Amino acid sequence: MTRVFLFLFFLLTFKCVNAQEPVADTIKYIITVEPKDALFYQRQAKRTKNPTTSLELLKKALSLRTLAQDENWVADVRVEMASSLFKTGNSKQAFSELLTAEKIYTASGNNVSKAEVMVQMARFYEKNALWKDAVKYYQAAHKLHETAQNNSDAANISLHLADIALIQNELTKATNDVSYAVKQYESLENKTGLALSYVKQAEIHRRRKQYKTGESLILNSALPFFRSTGYAAGRVGCFDVLGKIYFSQKRYSEAKWFFIQANTQARSLNDIEGIITSLINLGRVKTTIGDYNLAKRDFKEAQTLADRRNNLFLQANVKDAYAFLYDRMGNELGAENAAGLSAELTDSLNKYSNAQAESARTASVKLSESKKESKSATASSKADSFQIIKLIAAAILILVVILLVLKRIK
């Protein structure tokens, strides 16, 4: 019996030792080295968050372009360069890159990409409160998308046009733009697009003092759609418009509640501009009902956030809110100072916007002059070619005459 146990012990020990012996590795490891060509540098540019680095990588990509990259690829890179240039504050060169890209897309017949360039130009002007130019480029992009039957993109642009119309208080224009968007979104069954449209329609109704209609649109249409699609950012706009609807009707408790909801939702999304706007609205309600200290606290936080973002528009809005507060408190000097600061900030914003517009205009003029020079050079080249042809023809004619004369002499 002892021998049997010993045999089993040695057998198990032998197997364990064998199991520990190294096994030859038969797996072949293949390391793929990514070629550092134009596409490599383009990909690297997209990965980096530093706009200056991105710009250098894109320039490198252009320098390594081969026949595999067509003109549309070049235009795509130009658009990416424009994005980086805008981030570095070089709007003049950025706009120049967009204009170059637009020219290439036009030549290749790529209207979809051309429309996207138009949208970027429009957003540039919209951001700088240059409404006329923004509308011009949005409408051009809208026409291209409509022709290509890109209904979703066309509807999105219509909402931007509606925003501009609302800023200028052109309610009929805003109504038409939103109605177009609603029609397109309905055909596409796009609930988020519809909800965004309903929020704008509610604001139009508020301004027309059609409060019940506006309230119903938010509560019965926009909010349910945003909930079903999970688009939390859209709810901030819903609460904001509802707060304004109730504030316009002097229903201050309800207005305050919805502005608090807008503030809470904005904080959960880290939407700084949404937080600032809701704080200003909250402060205005509190000022109206006499809660001056609480209003001042809201404005102080809004001021801090606006200063951190160095946003002149929001800073001016906060100062304007302070002027409203001091006026209600009977502090004429404080109201005057706050109003003056708001005016100064607005003036600075206008000067900045005008400088941006001048940069864009300069870029446009340069490209236009370049086109004229190109056409002039082409025309001159054609004229030179025609002159050479005339000289060659004359020389041939003279040669023929000489040959005929020599033949007769013989």
Protein backbone atom coordinates (compact mmCIF):
# COMPACT_ATOMS: atom_id res chain seq x y z
CA MET A 1 0.00 0.00 0.00
CA THR A 2 2.90 2.31 0.86
CA ARG A 3 4.41 1.67 -2.57
CA VAL A 4 1.14 2.71 -4.24
CA PHE A 5 1.08 6.02 -2.32
CA LEU A 6 4.72 6.70 -3.18
CA PHE A 7 4.05 5.96 -6.84
CA LEU A 8 1.10 8.42 -6.92
CA PHE A 9 3.17 11.05 -5.08
CA PHE A 10 6.05 10.84 -7.58
CA LEU A 11 3.62 10.84 -10.51
CA LEU A 12 1.90 14.08 -9.35
CA THR A 13 5.24 15.74 -8.55
CA PHE A 14 6.57 14.90 -12.00
CA LYS A 15 3.50 16.45 -13.71
CA CYS A 16 3.76 19.65 -11.64
CA VAL A 17 7.45 20.05 -12.50
CA ASN A 18 6.71 19.45 -16.18
CA ALA A 19 3.94 22.02 -16.06
CA GLN A 20 6.45 24.63 -14.85
CA GLU A 21 8.92 24.01 -17.69
CA PRO A 22 9.01 26.89 -20.21
CA VAL A 23 7.03 26.40 -23.39
CA ALA A 24 8.39 27.73 -26.65
CA ASP A 25 6.56 30.89 -27.69
CA THR A 26 5.07 30.28 -31.12
CA ILE A 27 3.09 33.55 -31.25
CA LYS A 28 4.48 36.11 -33.66
CA TYR A 29 4.08 39.72 -32.55
CA ILE A 30 3.43 42.10 -35.41
CA ILE A 31 4.22 45.75 -34.72
CA THR A 32 2.66 48.13 -37.23
CA VAL A 33 4.58 51.35 -37.71
CA GLU A 34 2.25 54.14 -38.79
CA PRO A 35 3.73 55.99 -41.79
CA LYS A 36 4.34 59.67 -41.05
CA ASP A 37 2.56 60.95 -44.13
CA ALA A 38 0.06 63.78 -44.64
CA LEU A 39 -2.83 61.80 -43.13
CA PHE A 40 -0.73 60.94 -40.06
CA TYR A 41 -0.13 64.60 -39.24
CA GLN A 42 -3.77 65.44 -39.92
CA ARG A 43 -4.84 62.78 -37.41
CA GLN A 44 -2.32 64.05 -34.86
CA ALA A 45 -3.71 67.58 -35.27
CA LYS A 46 -7.22 66.34 -34.46
CA ARG A 47 -5.98 64.59 -31.32
CA THR A 48 -4.18 67.54 -29.76
CA LYS A 49 -6.02 70.12 -27.68
CA ASN A 50 -3.40 72.82 -28.22
CA PRO A 51 -4.50 75.01 -31.19
CA THR A 52 -0.96 76.23 -31.91
CA THR A 53 0.38 72.67 -32.05
CA SER A 54 -2.62 71.62 -34.16
CA LEU A 55 -1.87 74.42 -36.62
CA GLU A 56 1.76 73.35 -37.03
CA LEU A 57 0.73 69.72 -37.60
CA LEU A 58 -1.81 70.73 -40.24
CA LYS A 59 0.80 72.83 -42.06
CA LYS A 60 3.09 69.78 -42.02
CA ALA A 61 0.24 67.69 -43.44
CA LEU A 62 -0.20 70.12 -46.34
CA SER A 63 3.53 70.10 -47.07
CA LEU A 64 3.47 66.28 -47.37
CA ARG A 65 0.43 66.14 -49.64
CA THR A 66 0.62 63.62 -52.48
CA LEU A 67 -1.61 62.79 -55.44
CA ALA A 68 -3.64 60.59 -53.09
CA GLN A 69 -4.99 63.75 -51.41
CA ASP A 70 -7.30 65.67 -53.74
CA GLU A 71 -8.33 69.33 -53.64
CA ASN A 72 -11.27 68.58 -51.32
CA TRP A 73 -8.80 67.16 -48.80
CA VAL A 74 -6.81 70.40 -49.01
CA ALA A 75 -10.00 72.37 -48.36
CA ASP A 76 -10.83 70.15 -45.37
CA VAL A 77 -7.40 70.86 -43.88
CA ARG A 78 -7.89 74.60 -44.49
CA VAL A 79 -11.15 74.45 -42.53
CA GLU A 80 -9.39 72.64 -39.66
CA MET A 81 -6.65 75.29 -39.74
CA ALA A 82 -9.30 78.01 -39.52
CA SER A 83 -10.73 76.39 -36.40
CA SER A 84 -7.30 76.41 -34.73
CA LEU A 85 -6.65 80.00 -35.81
CA PHE A 86 -9.95 81.19 -34.34
CA LYS A 87 -8.94 79.60 -31.02
CA THR A 88 -5.62 81.47 -31.05
CA GLY A 89 -7.42 84.75 -31.77
CA ASN A 90 -6.09 85.15 -35.31
CA SER A 91 -9.49 85.72 -36.90
CA LYS A 92 -8.05 87.46 -39.97
CA GLN A 93 -6.00 84.44 -41.05
CA ALA A 94 -8.79 82.09 -39.96
CA PHE A 95 -11.28 83.83 -42.22
CA SER A 96 -8.74 83.77 -45.04
CA GLU A 97 -8.45 79.97 -44.68
CA LEU A 98 -12.25 79.61 -44.76
CA LEU A 99 -12.47 81.74 -47.91
CA THR A 100 -9.77 79.61 -49.56
CA ALA A 101 -11.65 76.44 -48.61
CA GLU A 102 -14.89 77.88 -49.96
CA LYS A 103 -13.17 78.68 -53.27
CA ILE A 104 -11.88 75.09 -53.56
CA TYR A 105 -15.27 73.55 -52.70
CA THR A 106 -16.95 75.80 -55.28
CA ALA A 107 -14.49 74.70 -57.98
CA SER A 108 -15.00 71.01 -57.15
CA GLY A 109 -18.79 71.32 -56.88
CA ASN A 110 -18.79 70.13 -53.25
CA ASN A 111 -21.81 72.15 -52.13
CA VAL A 112 -22.35 70.30 -48.84
CA SER A 113 -18.87 71.17 -47.56
CA LYS A 114 -19.21 74.67 -49.00
CA ALA A 115 -22.40 75.11 -46.96
CA GLU A 116 -20.55 74.06 -43.79
CA VAL A 117 -17.91 76.72 -44.47
CA MET A 118 -20.71 79.27 -44.91
CA VAL A 119 -22.15 78.22 -41.53
CA GLN A 120 -18.76 78.72 -39.86
CA MET A 121 -18.52 82.21 -41.36
CA ALA A 122 -22.07 82.97 -40.21
CA ARG A 123 -21.29 81.80 -36.66
CA PHE A 124 -18.21 84.03 -36.62
CA TYR A 125 -20.36 87.06 -37.47
CA GLU A 126 -23.17 85.96 -35.11
CA LYS A 127 -20.71 85.63 -32.22
CA ASN A 128 -19.53 89.18 -32.88
CA ALA A 129 -23.09 90.56 -33.11
CA LEU A 130 -22.69 91.42 -36.80
CA TRP A 131 -26.21 90.35 -37.66
CA LYS A 132 -26.40 91.46 -41.30
CA ASP A 133 -23.34 89.45 -42.33
CA ALA A 134 -24.41 86.49 -40.19
CA VAL A 135 -27.81 86.39 -41.90
CA LYS A 136 -26.19 86.64 -45.35
CA TYR A 137 -23.98 83.59 -44.80
CA TYR A 138 -26.68 81.59 -43.00
CA GLN A 139 -29.08 82.18 -45.89
CA ALA A 140 -26.43 81.16 -48.44
CA ALA A 141 -25.77 77.93 -46.49
CA HIS A 142 -29.51 77.34 -46.09
CA LYS A 143 -30.03 77.57 -49.85
CA LEU A 144 -27.24 75.05 -50.53
CA HIS A 145 -28.60 72.56 -47.98
CA GLU A 146 -32.12 72.98 -49.29
CA THR A 147 -30.96 72.31 -52.86
CA ALA A 148 -29.12 69.18 -51.66
CA GLN A 149 -32.26 68.18 -49.68
CA ASN A 150 -30.33 68.17 -46.41
CA ASN A 151 -33.50 69.02 -44.51
CA SER A 152 -32.06 68.59 -41.02
CA ASP A 153 -29.17 71.00 -41.69
CA ALA A 154 -31.52 73.48 -43.35
CA ALA A 155 -33.82 73.35 -40.30
CA ASN A 156 -30.88 73.90 -37.91
CA ILE A 157 -29.87 77.00 -39.85
CA SER A 158 -33.45 78.28 -39.71
CA LEU A 159 -33.28 78.17 -35.91
CA HIS A 160 -30.10 80.27 -35.99
CA LEU A 161 -31.86 82.76 -38.25
CA ALA A 162 -34.78 82.79 -35.79
CA ASP A 163 -32.37 83.58 -32.93
CA ILE A 164 -31.01 86.59 -34.82
CA ALA A 165 -34.54 87.75 -35.67
CA LEU A 166 -35.50 87.52 -31.97
CA ILE A 167 -32.45 89.57 -30.95
CA GLN A 168 -33.61 92.25 -33.39
CA ASN A 169 -37.22 91.75 -32.21
CA GLU A 170 -38.36 90.87 -35.75
CA LEU A 171 -41.13 88.57 -34.57
CA THR A 172 -42.71 87.90 -37.98
CA LYS A 173 -39.34 86.88 -39.41
CA ALA A 174 -38.63 84.71 -36.37
CA THR A 175 -42.06 83.05 -36.69
CA ASN A 176 -41.44 82.18 -40.35
CA ASP A 177 -37.99 80.74 -39.63
CA VAL A 178 -39.25 78.59 -36.75
CA SER A 179 -42.28 77.41 -38.74
CA TYR A 180 -39.95 76.21 -41.52
CA ALA A 181 -37.82 74.34 -38.96
CA VAL A 182 -40.90 72.71 -37.37
CA LYS A 183 -42.08 71.47 -40.77
CA GLN A 184 -38.70 69.85 -41.51
CA TYR A 185 -38.30 68.33 -38.05
CA GLU A 186 -41.82 66.89 -38.20
CA SER A 187 -41.04 65.14 -41.49
CA LEU A 188 -37.83 63.77 -39.95
CA GLU A 189 -39.54 62.88 -36.64
CA ASN A 190 -36.75 64.78 -34.87
CA LYS A 191 -38.09 65.34 -31.33
CA THR A 192 -35.08 67.33 -30.12
CA GLY A 193 -35.32 69.69 -33.09
CA LEU A 194 -39.06 70.09 -32.52
CA ALA A 195 -38.55 70.82 -28.82
CA LEU A 196 -35.94 73.49 -29.59
CA SER A 197 -38.37 75.03 -32.08
CA TYR A 198 -41.22 75.04 -29.54
CA VAL A 199 -39.03 76.90 -27.02
CA LYS A 200 -38.45 79.65 -29.59
CA GLN A 201 -42.14 79.73 -30.48
CA ALA A 202 -42.96 80.10 -26.77
CA GLU A 203 -40.61 83.10 -26.53
CA ILE A 204 -42.32 84.67 -29.56
CA HIS A 205 -45.72 84.20 -27.89
CA ARG A 206 -44.36 85.72 -24.67
CA ARG A 207 -43.27 88.86 -26.48
CA ARG A 208 -46.69 89.07 -28.09
CA LYS A 209 -48.20 88.69 -24.59
CA GLN A 210 -49.81 85.39 -25.59
CA TYR A 211 -48.75 83.89 -22.28
CA LYS A 212 -51.10 80.89 -22.15
CA THR A 213 -50.03 79.68 -25.60
CA GLY A 214 -46.34 80.05 -24.72
CA GLU A 215 -46.78 78.28 -21.39
CA SER A 216 -48.67 75.41 -23.02
CA LEU A 217 -45.98 74.92 -25.69
CA ILE A 218 -43.30 74.49 -23.03
CA LEU A 219 -45.24 72.34 -20.56
CA ASN A 220 -47.10 70.13 -23.06
CA SER A 221 -44.64 69.88 -25.97
CA ALA A 222 -41.05 71.04 -25.41
CA LEU A 223 -40.39 69.61 -21.93
CA PRO A 224 -41.92 66.16 -22.67
CA PHE A 225 -39.85 65.87 -25.87
CA PHE A 226 -36.63 66.84 -24.06
CA ARG A 227 -37.38 64.28 -21.35
CA SER A 228 -38.02 61.52 -23.89
CA THR A 229 -34.80 62.25 -25.80
CA GLY A 230 -32.72 62.82 -22.66
CA TYR A 231 -31.52 66.22 -23.90
CA ALA A 232 -30.95 67.88 -20.51
CA ALA A 233 -29.46 71.09 -21.95
CA GLY A 234 -32.76 71.85 -23.66
CA ARG A 235 -34.55 71.94 -20.31
CA VAL A 236 -32.50 74.99 -19.24
CA GLY A 237 -34.08 76.96 -22.09
CA CYS A 238 -37.55 75.67 -21.15
CA PHE A 239 -37.22 76.81 -17.53
CA ASP A 240 -35.76 80.15 -18.63
CA VAL A 241 -38.67 80.95 -20.97
CA LEU A 242 -41.24 79.78 -18.40
CA GLY A 243 -39.63 82.03 -15.79
CA LYS A 244 -39.85 84.99 -18.19
CA ILE A 245 -43.49 84.19 -19.03
CA TYR A 246 -44.46 84.28 -15.33
CA PHE A 247 -42.27 87.33 -14.63
CA SER A 248 -44.00 89.21 -17.46
CA GLN A 249 -47.33 88.43 -15.76
CA LYS A 250 -45.99 89.53 -12.33
CA ARG A 251 -46.34 85.96 -11.04
CA TYR A 252 -43.09 86.30 -9.15
CA SER A 253 -43.18 83.13 -7.02
CA GLU A 254 -43.58 80.94 -10.12
CA ALA A 255 -40.98 82.96 -12.03
CA LYS A 256 -38.50 82.57 -9.16
CA TRP A 257 -39.13 78.82 -8.95
CA PHE A 258 -38.48 78.24 -12.67
CA PHE A 259 -35.35 80.42 -12.69
CA ILE A 260 -34.07 78.30 -9.77
CA GLN A 261 -34.77 75.17 -11.87
CA ALA A 262 -32.85 76.72 -14.78
CA ASN A 263 -29.94 77.51 -12.45
CA THR A 264 -29.92 74.01 -10.93
CA GLN A 265 -30.01 72.34 -14.36
CA ALA A 266 -27.26 74.62 -15.70
CA ARG A 267 -25.03 73.81 -12.71
CA SER A 268 -25.51 70.07 -13.23
CA LEU A 269 -24.33 70.51 -16.83
CA ASN A 270 -21.53 72.95 -15.89
CA ASP A 271 -23.14 75.41 -18.32
CA ILE A 272 -21.43 78.60 -17.10
CA GLU A 273 -23.34 80.96 -19.40
CA GLY A 274 -26.59 79.28 -18.35
CA ILE A 275 -25.66 79.72 -14.68
CA ILE A 276 -24.87 83.42 -15.18
CA THR A 277 -28.09 84.08 -17.12
CA SER A 278 -30.27 82.30 -14.54
CA LEU A 279 -28.55 84.18 -11.67
CA ILE A 280 -29.26 87.51 -13.39
CA ASN A 281 -32.90 86.52 -13.94
CA LEU A 282 -33.21 85.32 -10.33
CA GLY A 283 -31.67 88.55 -9.07
CA ARG A 284 -34.12 90.63 -11.10
CA VAL A 285 -37.09 88.78 -9.57
CA LYS A 286 -35.65 89.23 -6.05
CA THR A 287 -35.01 92.92 -6.75
CA THR A 288 -38.60 93.38 -7.92
CA ILE A 289 -40.04 91.80 -4.75
CA GLY A 290 -37.64 93.73 -2.48
CA ASP A 291 -35.14 90.97 -1.56
CA TYR A 292 -32.20 93.29 -2.27
CA ASN A 293 -29.51 91.47 -0.28
CA LEU A 294 -30.36 88.13 -1.90
CA ALA A 295 -30.42 89.80 -5.32
CA LYS A 296 -27.01 91.36 -4.67
CA ARG A 297 -25.63 87.93 -3.74
CA ASP A 298 -26.87 86.47 -7.07
CA PHE A 299 -25.40 89.36 -9.05
CA LYS A 300 -22.08 89.05 -7.21
CA GLU A 301 -21.74 85.37 -8.17
CA ALA A 302 -22.79 86.16 -11.75
CA GLN A 303 -20.16 88.93 -11.87
CA THR A 304 -17.42 86.56 -10.64
CA LEU A 305 -18.28 83.92 -13.25
CA ALA A 306 -18.55 86.47 -16.08
CA ASP A 307 -15.16 87.97 -15.14
CA ARG A 308 -13.54 84.52 -15.12
CA ARG A 309 -14.77 83.90 -18.64
CA ASN A 310 -13.81 87.42 -19.68
CA ASN A 311 -17.13 87.64 -21.53
CA LEU A 312 -17.89 91.31 -22.23
CA PHE A 313 -21.52 90.61 -23.17
CA LEU A 314 -22.28 88.81 -19.90
CA GLN A 315 -20.29 91.35 -17.88
CA ALA A 316 -22.38 94.15 -19.40
CA ASN A 317 -25.58 92.26 -18.55
CA VAL A 318 -24.51 91.89 -14.92
CA LYS A 319 -23.71 95.62 -14.62
CA ASP A 320 -27.08 96.40 -16.18
CA ALA A 321 -28.72 94.17 -13.54
CA TYR A 322 -26.81 96.02 -10.79
CA ALA A 323 -28.10 99.33 -12.19
CA PHE A 324 -31.66 97.95 -11.93
CA LEU A 325 -31.00 96.89 -8.31
CA TYR A 326 -29.51 100.22 -7.19
CA ASP A 327 -32.29 102.13 -8.91
CA ARG A 328 -34.90 100.11 -6.98
CA MET A 329 -32.98 100.70 -3.74
CA GLY A 330 -32.99 104.45 -4.38
CA ASN A 331 -29.20 104.53 -4.77
CA GLU A 332 -28.99 106.94 -7.71
CA LEU A 333 -25.19 107.17 -7.68
CA GLY A 334 -24.80 103.38 -7.61
CA ALA A 335 -27.34 103.00 -10.42
CA GLU A 336 -25.58 105.65 -12.50
CA ASN A 337 -22.14 104.07 -11.98
CA ALA A 338 -23.40 100.57 -12.82
CA ALA A 339 -25.20 101.83 -15.93
CA GLY A 340 -22.03 103.66 -16.97
CA LEU A 341 -19.93 100.52 -16.56
CA SER A 342 -22.49 98.52 -18.56
CA ALA A 343 -22.32 101.12 -21.35
CA GLU A 344 -18.50 101.03 -21.33
CA LEU A 345 -18.46 97.24 -21.57
CA THR A 346 -21.01 97.32 -24.39
CA ASP A 347 -18.88 99.91 -26.19
CA SER A 348 -15.78 97.72 -25.76
CA LEU A 349 -17.74 94.77 -27.12
CA ASN A 350 -18.83 96.81 -30.15
CA LYS A 351 -15.25 97.92 -30.82
CA TYR A 352 -14.03 94.33 -30.59
CA SER A 353 -16.80 93.17 -32.93
CA ASN A 354 -15.95 95.90 -35.43
CA ALA A 355 -12.27 94.91 -35.30
CA GLN A 356 -13.24 91.30 -35.98
CA ALA A 357 -15.43 92.41 -38.89
CA GLU A 358 -12.56 94.47 -40.30
CA SER A 359 -10.28 91.42 -40.11
CA ALA A 360 -12.82 89.37 -42.05
CA ARG A 361 -13.32 92.16 -44.59
CA THR A 362 -9.55 92.49 -45.12
CA ALA A 363 -9.28 88.74 -45.72
CA SER A 364 -12.14 88.91 -48.24
CA VAL A 365 -10.57 91.85 -50.08
CA LYS A 366 -7.19 90.10 -50.27
CA LEU A 367 -8.76 86.98 -51.75
CA SER A 368 -10.74 89.10 -54.21
CA GLU A 369 -7.57 90.93 -55.29
CA SER A 370 -5.79 87.60 -55.63
CA LYS A 371 -8.58 86.38 -57.93
CA LYS A 372 -8.31 89.54 -60.04
CA GLU A 373 -4.53 89.18 -60.29
CA SER A 374 -4.97 85.54 -61.28
CA LYS A 375 -7.50 86.47 -63.98
CA SER A 376 -5.25 89.29 -65.18
CA ALA A 377 -2.25 86.95 -65.33
CA THR A 378 -4.33 84.37 -67.21
CA ALA A 379 -5.52 87.02 -69.68
CA SER A 380 -1.95 88.29 -70.13
CA SER A 381 -0.72 84.74 -70.66
CA LYS A 382 -3.41 84.16 -73.28
CA ALA A 383 -2.48 87.40 -75.04
CA ASP A 384 1.22 86.42 -75.07
CA SER A 385 0.33 82.98 -76.43
CA PHE A 386 -1.78 84.54 -79.19
CA GLN A 387 1.08 86.90 -80.12
CA ILE A 388 3.50 83.97 -80.38
CA ILE A 389 1.05 82.06 -82.59
CA LYS A 390 0.76 85.12 -84.86
CA LEU A 391 4.56 85.38 -85.17
CA ILE A 392 4.89 81.66 -85.97
CA ALA A 393 2.14 81.93 -88.61
CA ALA A 394 3.87 84.95 -90.17
CA ALA A 395 7.22 83.12 -90.24
CA ILE A 396 5.62 80.08 -91.93
CA LEU A 397 3.96 82.34 -94.51
CA ILE A 398 7.28 84.06 -95.30
CA LEU A 399 8.99 80.67 -95.64
CA VAL A 400 6.30 79.48 -98.07
CA VAL A 401 6.72 82.64 -100.19
CA ILE A 402 10.50 82.19 -100.31
CA LEU A 403 10.11 78.56 -101.40
CA LEU A 404 7.70 79.56 -104.20
CA VAL A 405 10.10 82.26 -105.44
CA LEU A 406 13.03 79.84 -105.47
CA LYS A 407 10.93 77.31 -107.38
CA ARG A 408 10.11 79.84 -110.13
CA ILE A 409 13.75 80.90 -110.47
CA LYS A 410 14.70 77.27 -111.11
